[in-house]
C-alpha cells in the first residue's frame, strides 16, 4: 500500500488523524490499540507524519540484515526490532512481485511502521517472487521464515502477512504441516484463491464470483504480462525463450528502451508477438489459455482446496477495484477458510490492490483502522 500524490497523502493523513481521535472517544479500553493502528496507517501513508495519533505508541526501530535457513540454502532477510522491546511478538511480511524484493521502498516503510507499534518484523527475500514468478518453491521460503522468527521470539507463534500473490502463498505455507505450528495468524492482502480463475480473468476481463454471477472488469495488462513471463516457455520456442524472457523482464522493470533493444534479437514473428504485449495489443486470451492448460501448475500455487488444513486465524483484505487480482478472490477465500478461523474479511474502496487509494471516506478509514487493530490484537495474544 502506498500513496503517490503528496496532496492526496496529506488529506488522507488528516482524515486518519480525525478517525484516531474519534476512536479514542468511542472506545474506552480498546482505544489504545485502535490509536496504534491509526498511527501505523498514518506513518505508512507519510513517513514524516507527526501529531498525537502519529506518535501514539511509536517505538524507535532497529534494522539488521540476517538470513533464513531453508532446505535450498540461506535466504537473505531483514529484521526490524522495536528498540525498547527486544522480546516483542513477531510477524513475517512477504513482499509482492517487485524486482527490489525486501529493498522495495513501500515494503520497507510498511515494515518500519508495523515494527514501530511494538512488533518484530522479518522480511524474507523470496527470489521467485522478486523474479516475477509465482512458484510453489516460495511456499517453503515463507514457511521457513515463520519458523526462524518463531524461534527468535521464544517459541511464540508469529503472524505471516503476504501481499498480492504472496498472500495466497502465505496461506499455503500456513496450511503446510511443516510450518503450521509456527504460524499464529495469517494476513492476506490482495491475495488469490485460484490461479486458474485469475488466468481466466486475464483472458476474458470477466470476474467470477462465488454466487455464480460474473461481472465485467478490465484486467490490468501488468498481471497478464507477469503470468506470461512466468510461463514464457509455453508461448515461444525453446531457442528464443531466454531472449524473450529477458525482454519481458526488462519491460516489467520499467526499462522499455533496453527491452526493445533485446527484442531485436528475436525472429520477426516472435518479436511482433512480444512487442504487441508491451503495447497492450497482444493476443492475451490465446497466450493465457495456453498457460492455463497446465492445471497442475496453477493448482500448486492456489490456496483453493488446501485451506481445510489451516490451524491459524485468518485476516483477509482486498481493494474493491483491484484489476490485477479481483476482489472476488477474497470472497472465494472467505468461503473456504474454516469459519471458526476467519477473523476478518474486508473488501475496501480505501485500497487498490496493495496500495492506499484516493480519498477514502471516514467509514472506510474506520473499517481499515479496525482491521489493523484486530491484527495487532492477534499478534499480542501470542
Foldseek 3Di string as FASTA:
>chain_A
DEDDDPVLLVLQLVLLVVLLVVLCVVDPVLSLLLLLLSLLVNCLHPVPDDDDSVPRQFADKDKDWDWFQFPVGTFTKMKIARPVCQLFFEEEEEDAQALCGCNPVSNVSSLNSVRRNGYMYMYTRQPCSSQLALALVSLRVQLSVLVVRCVSNPNDAHAYEYAAQRLLSPLVSCLDPVRVSRHAEYEYENHFAFQLQLLVCQQPQWHQAPVGDIDHHHADLLLLLSLCLNVVCLPDPPVCNVLLNVLSSCVNNVNNVVSLVSLVPDDPVVSVQSVCSSVVNHNSNVSSVSVSVPRVRRVSSHNPPRQVSHDHAYEYEYECRARNRHLSRLVVVCVPHPVVRHPYHDHANQAYRPYGDGNDDSVRSSVSSVSSSVVVVSSNVD
